[in-house]
């Protein structure tokens, strides 16, 4: 899985876009509606790892939503899990004695 570069989000331009998104959302979480002031997080609706495929810029406000840290964490975790489900399964190494151990523990090698 490719990691995204956090550097664009540590700029004055990002702070300006984040403030715009917060104001547009009336400083409330766009998911649970909790008032956040400026403590919320500007979240990319289409993840940053996928925006190049679609042609959206990192600073495009139409791809941003204002979320509380709890809603942002939940969304990010769902995205990570969905990426893992699409990723090819890793093949475990064939260490000598592994099957003996798994048999003794009552574990199927496909688990």
C-alpha atoms as a PDB file:
ATOM      1  CA  UNK A   1       0.000   0.000   0.000  1.00  0.00           C
ATOM      2  CA  UNK A   2       1.417   3.371  -0.982  1.00  0.00           C
ATOM      3  CA  UNK A   3       1.707   5.920   1.787  1.00  0.00           C
ATOM      4  CA  UNK A   4       0.672   9.487   1.092  1.00  0.00           C
ATOM      5  CA  UNK A   5       3.042  12.363   1.709  1.00  0.00           C
ATOM      6  CA  UNK A   6       1.848  14.452   4.700  1.00  0.00           C
ATOM      7  CA  UNK A   7       3.981  17.463   3.679  1.00  0.00           C
ATOM      8  CA  UNK A   8       1.253  19.298   1.654  1.00  0.00           C
ATOM      9  CA  UNK A   9      -0.909  19.377   4.782  1.00  0.00           C
ATOM     10  CA  UNK A  10       1.656  21.302   6.856  1.00  0.00           C
ATOM     11  CA  UNK A  11       1.463  24.524   4.887  1.00  0.00           C
ATOM     12  CA  UNK A  12      -0.226  27.899   5.190  1.00  0.00           C
ATOM     13  CA  UNK A  13      -2.337  26.977   2.160  1.00  0.00           C
ATOM     14  CA  UNK A  14      -3.688  23.883   3.954  1.00  0.00           C
ATOM     15  CA  UNK A  15      -4.491  25.956   7.064  1.00  0.00           C
ATOM     16  CA  UNK A  16      -6.461  28.353   4.868  1.00  0.00           C
ATOM     17  CA  UNK A  17      -8.386  25.556   3.121  1.00  0.00           C
ATOM     18  CA  UNK A  18      -9.062  23.831   6.470  1.00  0.00           C
ATOM     19  CA  UNK A  19     -10.467  27.077   7.905  1.00  0.00           C
ATOM     20  CA  UNK A  20     -12.686  27.451   4.817  1.00  0.00           C
ATOM     21  CA  UNK A  21     -14.020  23.892   5.234  1.00  0.00           C
ATOM     22  CA  UNK A  22     -14.670  24.468   8.957  1.00  0.00           C
ATOM     23  CA  UNK A  23     -16.564  27.685   8.237  1.00  0.00           C
ATOM     24  CA  UNK A  24     -18.559  26.028   5.439  1.00  0.00           C
ATOM     25  CA  UNK A  25     -19.612  23.322   7.934  1.00  0.00           C
ATOM     26  CA  UNK A  26     -20.527  25.966  10.563  1.00  0.00           C
ATOM     27  CA  UNK A  27     -17.741  24.528  12.733  1.00  0.00           C
ATOM     28  CA  UNK A  28     -19.738  21.303  13.235  1.00  0.00           C
ATOM     29  CA  UNK A  29     -18.865  17.693  12.465  1.00  0.00           C
ATOM     30  CA  UNK A  30     -20.559  16.921   9.167  1.00  0.00           C
ATOM     31  CA  UNK A  31     -21.333  13.399  10.380  1.00  0.00           C
ATOM     32  CA  UNK A  32     -22.506  13.654  14.017  1.00  0.00           C
ATOM     33  CA  UNK A  33     -23.217  17.442  14.041  1.00  0.00           C
ATOM     34  CA  UNK A  34     -21.192  18.059  17.225  1.00  0.00           C
ATOM     35  CA  UNK A  35     -19.879  21.625  17.542  1.00  0.00           C
ATOM     36  CA  UNK A  36     -16.083  21.615  17.149  1.00  0.00           C
ATOM     37  CA  UNK A  37     -14.921  25.176  16.671  1.00  0.00           C
ATOM     38  CA  UNK A  38     -11.520  24.898  14.984  1.00  0.00           C
ATOM     39  CA  UNK A  39     -10.611  21.596  16.679  1.00  0.00           C
ATOM     40  CA  UNK A  40     -12.104  19.456  13.900  1.00  0.00           C
ATOM     41  CA  UNK A  41     -10.284  17.726  11.083  1.00  0.00           C
ATOM     42  CA  UNK A  42     -10.604  18.419   7.368  1.00  0.00           C
ATOM     43  CA  UNK A  43     -11.010  14.960   5.863  1.00  0.00           C
ATOM     44  CA  UNK A  44     -10.637  13.964   2.223  1.00  0.00           C
ATOM     45  CA  UNK A  45     -13.874  12.279   1.082  1.00  0.00           C
ATOM     46  CA  UNK A  46     -11.953  10.490  -1.659  1.00  0.00           C
ATOM     47  CA  UNK A  47      -8.765   9.337   0.141  1.00  0.00           C
ATOM     48  CA  UNK A  48      -5.525  11.096  -0.774  1.00  0.00           C
ATOM     49  CA  UNK A  49      -4.120   7.796  -2.000  1.00  0.00           C
ATOM     50  CA  UNK A  50      -6.845   7.704  -4.689  1.00  0.00           C
ATOM     51  CA  UNK A  51      -7.185  11.352  -5.742  1.00  0.00           C
ATOM     52  CA  UNK A  52      -4.552  11.150  -8.492  1.00  0.00           C
ATOM     53  CA  UNK A  53      -6.591   8.434 -10.191  1.00  0.00           C
ATOM     54  CA  UNK A  54      -9.625  10.716 -10.281  1.00  0.00           C
ATOM     55  CA  UNK A  55      -7.785  13.971 -10.939  1.00  0.00           C
ATOM     56  CA  UNK A  56      -8.740  15.832  -7.762  1.00  0.00           C
ATOM     57  CA  UNK A  57      -6.248  18.128  -6.058  1.00  0.00           C
ATOM     58  CA  UNK A  58      -5.231  17.775  -2.413  1.00  0.00           C
ATOM     59  CA  UNK A  59      -6.533  21.277  -1.650  1.00  0.00           C
ATOM     60  CA  UNK A  60      -9.868  20.926  -3.499  1.00  0.00           C
ATOM     61  CA  UNK A  61     -12.560  21.942  -0.951  1.00  0.00           C
ATOM     62  CA  UNK A  62     -15.229  19.963  -2.796  1.00  0.00           C
ATOM     63  CA  UNK A  63     -13.401  16.790  -1.703  1.00  0.00           C
ATOM     64  CA  UNK A  64     -13.144  17.852   1.940  1.00  0.00           C
ATOM     65  CA  UNK A  65     -15.483  17.437   4.873  1.00  0.00           C
ATOM     66  CA  UNK A  66     -15.157  18.657   8.463  1.00  0.00           C
ATOM     67  CA  UNK A  67     -15.204  15.827  11.013  1.00  0.00           C
ATOM     68  CA  UNK A  68     -14.615  15.377  14.731  1.00  0.00           C
ATOM     69  CA  UNK A  69     -11.651  13.171  15.607  1.00  0.00           C
ATOM     70  CA  UNK A  70     -13.944  10.239  16.479  1.00  0.00           C
ATOM     71  CA  UNK A  71     -15.829  10.278  13.168  1.00  0.00           C
ATOM     72  CA  UNK A  72     -12.566  10.845  11.266  1.00  0.00           C
ATOM     73  CA  UNK A  73     -10.939   7.826  12.970  1.00  0.00           C
ATOM     74  CA  UNK A  74     -13.941   5.620  12.223  1.00  0.00           C
ATOM     75  CA  UNK A  75     -13.944   6.630   8.553  1.00  0.00           C
ATOM     76  CA  UNK A  76     -10.176   6.149   8.213  1.00  0.00           C
ATOM     77  CA  UNK A  77     -10.352   2.707   9.823  1.00  0.00           C
ATOM     78  CA  UNK A  78     -13.156   1.634   7.451  1.00  0.00           C
ATOM     79  CA  UNK A  79     -11.032   2.756   4.507  1.00  0.00           C
ATOM     80  CA  UNK A  80      -8.000   0.833   5.784  1.00  0.00           C
ATOM     81  CA  UNK A  81     -10.035  -2.351   6.246  1.00  0.00           C
ATOM     82  CA  UNK A  82     -11.597  -2.085   2.799  1.00  0.00           C
ATOM     83  CA  UNK A  83      -8.116  -1.667   1.263  1.00  0.00           C
ATOM     84  CA  UNK A  84      -6.890  -4.752   3.119  1.00  0.00           C
ATOM     85  CA  UNK A  85      -9.812  -6.815   1.844  1.00  0.00           C
ATOM     86  CA  UNK A  86      -8.954  -5.859  -1.752  1.00  0.00           C
ATOM     87  CA  UNK A  87      -5.243  -6.521  -1.303  1.00  0.00           C
ATOM     88  CA  UNK A  88      -3.931  -9.952  -2.259  1.00  0.00           C
ATOM     89  CA  UNK A  89      -3.544 -12.296   0.670  1.00  0.00           C
ATOM     90  CA  UNK A  90      -0.011 -12.672   1.954  1.00  0.00           C
ATOM     91  CA  UNK A  91       1.432 -16.153   1.707  1.00  0.00           C
ATOM     92  CA  UNK A  92       2.886 -17.285   4.994  1.00  0.00           C
ATOM     93  CA  UNK A  93       6.376 -18.642   5.018  1.00  0.00           C
ATOM     94  CA  UNK A  94       6.893 -22.363   5.014  1.00  0.00           C
ATOM     95  CA  UNK A  95       9.061 -22.576   8.138  1.00  0.00           C
ATOM     96  CA  UNK A  96      10.113 -26.158   8.968  1.00  0.00           C
ATOM     97  CA  UNK A  97       7.851 -27.494  11.704  1.00  0.00           C
ATOM     98  CA  UNK A  98       5.103 -24.928  11.151  1.00  0.00           C
ATOM     99  CA  UNK A  99       2.537 -27.524  10.113  1.00  0.00           C
ATOM    100  CA  UNK A 100       3.431 -29.713  13.125  1.00  0.00           C
ATOM    101  CA  UNK A 101       2.884 -26.761  15.429  1.00  0.00           C
ATOM    102  CA  UNK A 102      -0.419 -25.810  13.779  1.00  0.00           C
ATOM    103  CA  UNK A 103      -1.640 -29.421  13.944  1.00  0.00           C
ATOM    104  CA  UNK A 104      -0.722 -29.681  17.629  1.00  0.00           C
ATOM    105  CA  UNK A 105      -2.509 -26.413  18.354  1.00  0.00           C
ATOM    106  CA  UNK A 106      -5.567 -27.517  16.381  1.00  0.00           C
ATOM    107  CA  UNK A 107      -5.271 -24.632  13.919  1.00  0.00           C
ATOM    108  CA  UNK A 108      -6.052 -25.041  10.246  1.00  0.00           C
ATOM    109  CA  UNK A 109      -3.175 -23.746   8.042  1.00  0.00           C
ATOM    110  CA  UNK A 110      -5.639 -21.593   6.072  1.00  0.00           C
ATOM    111  CA  UNK A 111      -6.643 -19.474   9.100  1.00  0.00           C
END
